[in-house]
């Protein structure tokens, strides 16, 4: 074998060894850089036990987490507003007013959420809490106040919850992606310990997702339907009303007399002591009189 052949063989061997070392180095690098999202390949000689930590959620585009882009509001995001109101007024007839409110409510696709009635002596009052689609709120309020001569108070509150919507939706996307990643991990897990750890993390994420979805559903309902609290009363007092006042006086007087008797009975120990004291005084007086006569 000539010197030239020996050099060629040596060069080829060096190149093959270098390629094998580079491949091993790449494999080792992949194994060392694996997060909890990957299962360590036993063929690389790594440890088969996985480190179950919360994997970092996939990066979001700049500004998408909070509804902004580069610090500026993202155009095209629909405002999410919660509109609620409260109104109180005097009417001539409670029954007629309620019928008018119910007619307007049904015409605007609303419903009664709560109803109360108060039987005050001179001002019988009804209270309705009505929910109507948000887009029909202003029209419904105007219909309720149509023909009302005296409005005691009127209040409308508007709360902007757009930021909350954007934040919750971004968190939900991140949590769903994280849940999917854990599901992939679960299919690659080989030991019971790893499986249990992954399942525990998935349960926590699922609870967080359900909580966020519940909050989002509540906000969606509040945005979709507005609430109006309607309080209306009827003023029934007319003149002095001597007969009515006399009847009330007799009724109140009889009630007061009954309470007086009850109080007197409750004080029976005091009456007993007073009676014994009176008897003792009379006894002393009579004895003194008898002594003087003797």
Protein backbone atom coordinates (compact mmCIF):
# COMPACT_ATOMS: atom_id res chain seq x y z
CA UNK A 1 0.00 0.00 0.00
CA UNK A 2 1.51 3.33 -1.05
CA UNK A 3 1.81 6.40 1.09
CA UNK A 4 -0.84 8.14 -1.06
CA UNK A 5 -3.40 5.38 -0.42
CA UNK A 6 -2.72 5.50 3.29
CA UNK A 7 -3.34 9.28 3.31
CA UNK A 8 -6.65 8.87 1.43
CA UNK A 9 -7.85 6.16 3.82
CA UNK A 10 -6.88 8.26 6.85
CA UNK A 11 -8.67 11.33 5.43
CA UNK A 12 -11.88 9.38 4.76
CA UNK A 13 -11.83 7.89 8.28
CA UNK A 14 -11.40 11.34 9.83
CA UNK A 15 -14.36 12.70 7.81
CA UNK A 16 -16.60 9.78 8.84
CA UNK A 17 -15.69 10.20 12.52
CA UNK A 18 -16.34 13.93 12.35
CA UNK A 19 -19.80 13.40 10.82
CA UNK A 20 -20.68 10.83 13.50
CA UNK A 21 -19.57 13.17 16.26
CA UNK A 22 -21.59 16.04 14.76
CA UNK A 23 -24.71 13.82 14.55
CA UNK A 24 -24.28 12.71 18.17
CA UNK A 25 -23.78 16.31 19.20
CA UNK A 26 -27.02 17.36 17.45
CA UNK A 27 -28.95 14.51 19.09
CA UNK A 28 -27.58 15.45 22.48
CA UNK A 29 -28.52 19.08 21.87
CA UNK A 30 -32.09 18.14 21.03
CA UNK A 31 -32.34 16.01 24.13
CA UNK A 32 -30.93 18.74 26.36
CA UNK A 33 -33.25 21.40 24.94
CA UNK A 34 -36.43 19.30 25.33
CA UNK A 35 -39.05 20.87 27.57
CA UNK A 36 -41.90 19.21 29.38
CA UNK A 37 -43.68 19.10 26.04
CA UNK A 38 -41.49 16.24 24.79
CA UNK A 39 -40.62 12.80 26.06
CA UNK A 40 -36.92 12.03 26.33
CA UNK A 41 -35.93 9.46 23.70
CA UNK A 42 -34.37 6.52 25.42
CA UNK A 43 -32.28 5.77 22.38
CA UNK A 44 -30.27 8.94 22.98
CA UNK A 45 -29.22 7.59 26.31
CA UNK A 46 -31.13 10.25 28.23
CA UNK A 47 -33.10 9.69 31.38
CA UNK A 48 -36.55 8.22 30.69
CA UNK A 49 -38.19 10.17 33.54
CA UNK A 50 -39.92 13.38 32.38
CA UNK A 51 -39.83 16.67 34.25
CA UNK A 52 -43.49 17.66 34.61
CA UNK A 53 -43.53 21.44 34.85
CA UNK A 54 -45.92 23.92 33.36
CA UNK A 55 -44.82 24.40 29.77
CA UNK A 56 -44.70 27.98 28.64
CA UNK A 57 -47.77 28.92 26.60
CA UNK A 58 -47.25 29.58 22.91
CA UNK A 59 -46.15 33.17 22.28
CA UNK A 60 -48.92 35.54 21.24
CA UNK A 61 -48.48 38.18 18.54
CA UNK A 62 -47.42 41.51 20.05
CA UNK A 63 -50.38 43.27 21.60
CA UNK A 64 -52.90 40.45 21.01
CA UNK A 65 -52.97 39.43 24.67
CA UNK A 66 -54.66 42.64 25.80
CA UNK A 67 -56.41 43.80 22.63
CA UNK A 68 -53.67 46.20 21.52
CA UNK A 69 -51.16 46.14 18.74
CA UNK A 70 -47.81 47.73 19.45
CA UNK A 71 -49.38 49.73 22.28
CA UNK A 72 -52.22 50.99 20.06
CA UNK A 73 -55.87 49.77 20.14
CA UNK A 74 -56.61 47.07 17.58
CA UNK A 75 -59.06 48.39 15.01
CA UNK A 76 -62.17 46.39 14.29
CA UNK A 77 -62.79 45.19 17.90
CA UNK A 78 -66.46 45.65 18.74
CA UNK A 79 -67.13 47.55 21.95
CA UNK A 80 -68.61 45.43 24.74
CA UNK A 81 -70.89 47.61 26.86
CA UNK A 82 -73.11 46.72 29.82
CA UNK A 83 -76.04 49.11 30.09
CA UNK A 84 -78.33 49.13 33.14
CA UNK A 85 -80.89 51.65 34.33
CA UNK A 86 -83.32 52.59 37.07
CA UNK A 87 -86.41 54.80 36.92
CA UNK A 88 -89.17 55.78 39.35
CA UNK A 89 -92.39 57.70 38.72
CA UNK A 90 -95.95 58.33 39.87
CA UNK A 91 -98.96 56.92 37.98
CA UNK A 92 -102.73 57.16 38.16
CA UNK A 93 -103.41 53.43 38.01
CA UNK A 94 -101.02 50.58 38.83
CA UNK A 95 -102.80 47.94 36.78
CA UNK A 96 -102.92 50.01 33.60
CA UNK A 97 -99.25 50.96 33.95
CA UNK A 98 -98.17 47.36 34.38
CA UNK A 99 -100.08 46.33 31.27
CA UNK A 100 -98.37 49.10 29.30
CA UNK A 101 -94.92 48.01 30.54
CA UNK A 102 -95.59 44.35 29.71
CA UNK A 103 -96.74 45.27 26.20
CA UNK A 104 -93.58 47.29 25.57
CA UNK A 105 -91.44 44.55 27.09
CA UNK A 106 -92.85 41.82 24.85
CA UNK A 107 -92.56 44.04 21.76
CA UNK A 108 -88.84 44.45 22.45
CA UNK A 109 -88.13 40.80 23.27
CA UNK A 110 -87.67 41.26 27.01
CA UNK A 111 -88.80 39.45 30.14
CA UNK A 112 -89.52 40.16 33.81
CA UNK A 113 -86.64 39.01 36.03
CA UNK A 114 -88.19 40.07 39.35
CA UNK A 115 -91.45 41.57 40.59
CA UNK A 116 -92.42 43.10 43.95
CA UNK A 117 -95.53 44.85 45.29
CA UNK A 118 -95.72 47.06 48.40
CA UNK A 119 -99.08 47.93 50.00
CA UNK A 120 -98.30 51.31 51.53
CA UNK A 121 -101.29 53.15 53.05
CA UNK A 122 -101.28 56.17 50.72
CA UNK A 123 -98.80 55.02 48.05
CA UNK A 124 -99.25 51.41 46.85
CA UNK A 125 -96.12 50.61 44.84
CA UNK A 126 -95.04 48.08 42.22
CA UNK A 127 -91.44 47.25 41.38
CA UNK A 128 -90.38 45.43 38.20
CA UNK A 129 -86.90 44.37 37.11
CA UNK A 130 -87.04 43.90 33.35
CA UNK A 131 -84.33 42.57 31.01
CA UNK A 132 -84.41 43.50 27.35
CA UNK A 133 -81.92 43.10 24.47
CA UNK A 134 -79.28 45.82 24.81
CA UNK A 135 -80.00 47.24 21.36
CA UNK A 136 -83.66 47.79 22.38
CA UNK A 137 -82.93 49.34 25.79
CA UNK A 138 -83.29 53.01 24.82
CA UNK A 139 -86.50 52.40 22.87
CA UNK A 140 -87.99 50.35 25.71
CA UNK A 141 -87.13 53.05 28.29
CA UNK A 142 -88.77 55.71 26.14
CA UNK A 143 -91.92 53.59 25.81
CA UNK A 144 -92.08 53.04 29.57
CA UNK A 145 -91.92 56.78 30.26
CA UNK A 146 -94.43 57.71 27.56
CA UNK A 147 -97.34 59.59 29.15
CA UNK A 148 -95.67 59.83 32.58
CA UNK A 149 -96.25 63.29 34.06
CA UNK A 150 -93.97 63.11 37.07
CA UNK A 151 -90.60 61.29 37.02
CA UNK A 152 -88.99 61.06 40.44
CA UNK A 153 -85.62 59.78 39.22
CA UNK A 154 -83.96 58.33 36.14
CA UNK A 155 -80.49 56.77 35.98
CA UNK A 156 -78.62 54.88 33.23
CA UNK A 157 -75.17 53.34 33.80
CA UNK A 158 -72.86 52.14 31.01
CA UNK A 159 -69.81 49.97 31.75
CA UNK A 160 -67.20 49.21 29.10
CA UNK A 161 -65.99 45.60 29.50
CA UNK A 162 -64.18 45.30 26.15
CA UNK A 163 -60.81 44.93 27.85
CA UNK A 164 -62.14 42.09 30.02
CA UNK A 165 -63.45 40.28 26.94
CA UNK A 166 -60.14 40.56 25.10
CA UNK A 167 -58.16 39.45 28.14
CA UNK A 168 -60.36 36.42 28.91
CA UNK A 169 -60.47 35.29 25.27
CA UNK A 170 -56.66 35.55 24.99
CA UNK A 171 -56.23 33.53 28.18
CA UNK A 172 -58.66 30.91 26.93
CA UNK A 173 -56.76 30.50 23.66
CA UNK A 174 -53.52 30.10 25.60
CA UNK A 175 -55.05 27.58 28.02
CA UNK A 176 -56.58 25.53 25.20
CA UNK A 177 -53.22 25.37 23.42
CA UNK A 178 -51.56 24.35 26.67
CA UNK A 179 -54.18 21.64 27.21
CA UNK A 180 -53.54 20.30 23.70
CA UNK A 181 -49.81 20.21 24.40
CA UNK A 182 -50.35 18.22 27.58
CA UNK A 183 -52.58 15.80 25.68
CA UNK A 184 -49.70 15.19 23.28
CA UNK A 185 -47.37 14.64 26.22
CA UNK A 186 -49.77 12.11 27.67
CA UNK A 187 -49.60 9.97 24.53
CA UNK A 188 -45.79 9.90 24.78
CA UNK A 189 -45.55 9.18 28.51
CA UNK A 190 -44.10 5.76 29.35
CA UNK A 191 -44.17 5.60 33.15
CA UNK A 192 -47.14 5.69 35.51
CA UNK A 193 -45.54 8.54 37.48
CA UNK A 194 -45.33 10.72 34.37
CA UNK A 195 -48.92 9.88 33.39
CA UNK A 196 -50.27 10.86 36.82
CA UNK A 197 -48.32 14.11 36.84
CA UNK A 198 -49.58 15.09 33.39
CA UNK A 199 -53.17 14.22 34.27
CA UNK A 200 -52.97 16.35 37.41
CA UNK A 201 -51.72 19.33 35.41
CA UNK A 202 -54.47 18.79 32.83
CA UNK A 203 -57.12 18.82 35.56
CA UNK A 204 -55.83 22.16 36.84
CA UNK A 205 -55.86 23.65 33.35
CA UNK A 206 -59.36 22.31 32.69
CA UNK A 207 -60.64 23.99 35.90
CA UNK A 208 -59.06 27.29 34.81
CA UNK A 209 -60.64 26.96 31.36
CA UNK A 210 -64.10 26.26 32.78
CA UNK A 211 -63.80 29.21 35.18
CA UNK A 212 -62.79 31.56 32.35
CA UNK A 213 -65.57 30.24 30.11
CA UNK A 214 -68.11 30.82 32.90
CA UNK A 215 -66.94 34.40 33.37
CA UNK A 216 -67.05 35.00 29.62
CA UNK A 217 -70.57 33.56 29.42
CA UNK A 218 -71.73 35.85 32.25
CA UNK A 219 -70.24 38.93 30.59
CA UNK A 220 -71.80 37.95 27.26
CA UNK A 221 -75.21 37.70 28.91
CA UNK A 222 -74.79 41.08 30.63
CA UNK A 223 -73.75 42.71 27.36
CA UNK A 224 -76.51 41.08 25.34
CA UNK A 225 -79.32 41.99 27.76
CA UNK A 226 -79.74 45.25 29.65
CA UNK A 227 -81.52 45.53 33.00
CA UNK A 228 -84.06 48.23 33.87
CA UNK A 229 -85.49 48.56 37.39
CA UNK A 230 -88.91 50.23 37.21
CA UNK A 231 -90.58 51.55 40.38
CA UNK A 232 -94.00 53.18 40.03
CA UNK A 233 -96.57 54.13 42.66
CA UNK A 234 -100.12 55.42 42.91
CA UNK A 235 -100.97 58.34 45.21
CA UNK A 236 -104.38 57.56 46.72
CA UNK A 237 -104.73 60.18 49.50
CA UNK A 238 -107.74 62.51 48.90
CA UNK A 239 -108.67 65.36 51.31
CA UNK A 240 -108.94 64.95 55.08
CA UNK A 241 -110.98 61.72 54.83
CA UNK A 242 -112.62 62.04 58.29
CA UNK A 243 -114.38 58.66 58.14
CA UNK A 244 -111.23 56.80 57.19
CA UNK A 245 -109.15 58.52 59.84
CA UNK A 246 -111.81 57.85 62.51
CA UNK A 247 -111.89 54.17 61.57
CA UNK A 248 -108.12 54.00 61.75
CA UNK A 249 -108.19 55.75 65.12
CA UNK A 250 -110.67 53.23 66.55
CA UNK A 251 -108.66 50.37 65.17
CA UNK A 252 -105.41 51.76 66.55
CA UNK A 253 -107.09 52.52 69.89
CA UNK A 254 -108.34 48.96 70.32
CA UNK A 255 -104.92 47.63 69.43
CA UNK A 256 -103.31 49.98 71.96
CA UNK A 257 -105.73 48.90 74.71
CA UNK A 258 -104.90 45.24 74.09
CA UNK A 259 -101.20 46.02 74.33
CA UNK A 260 -101.89 47.88 77.59
CA UNK A 261 -103.55 44.78 79.06
CA UNK A 262 -100.63 42.63 77.95
CA UNK A 263 -98.15 44.98 79.63
CA UNK A 264 -100.19 45.00 82.84
CA UNK A 265 -100.18 41.21 82.95
CA UNK A 266 -96.43 41.14 82.34
CA UNK A 267 -95.94 43.37 85.43
CA UNK A 268 -97.69 40.97 87.82
CA UNK A 269 -94.65 40.63 90.15
CA UNK A 270 -94.73 44.40 90.69
CA UNK A 271 -98.45 44.33 91.47
CA UNK A 272 -97.90 41.50 93.97
CA UNK A 273 -95.19 43.42 95.81
CA UNK A 274 -97.32 46.59 95.82
CA UNK A 275 -100.30 44.63 97.22
CA UNK A 276 -98.22 43.12 100.02
CA UNK A 277 -96.81 46.54 100.89
CA UNK A 278 -100.31 48.06 101.01
CA UNK A 279 -101.60 45.25 103.23
CA UNK A 280 -98.65 45.71 105.62
CA UNK A 281 -99.29 49.47 105.86
CA UNK A 282 -103.00 48.90 106.61
CA UNK A 283 -102.05 46.35 109.28
CA UNK A 284 -99.77 48.84 111.05
CA UNK A 285 -102.42 51.58 110.92
CA UNK A 286 -105.12 49.36 112.42
CA UNK A 287 -102.85 48.15 115.21
CA UNK A 288 -101.98 51.71 116.20
CA UNK A 289 -105.66 52.63 116.33
CA UNK A 290 -106.43 49.69 118.64
CA UNK A 291 -103.64 50.71 121.01
CA UNK A 292 -104.98 54.25 121.21
CA UNK A 293 -108.45 53.01 122.02
CA UNK A 294 -107.09 50.92 124.90
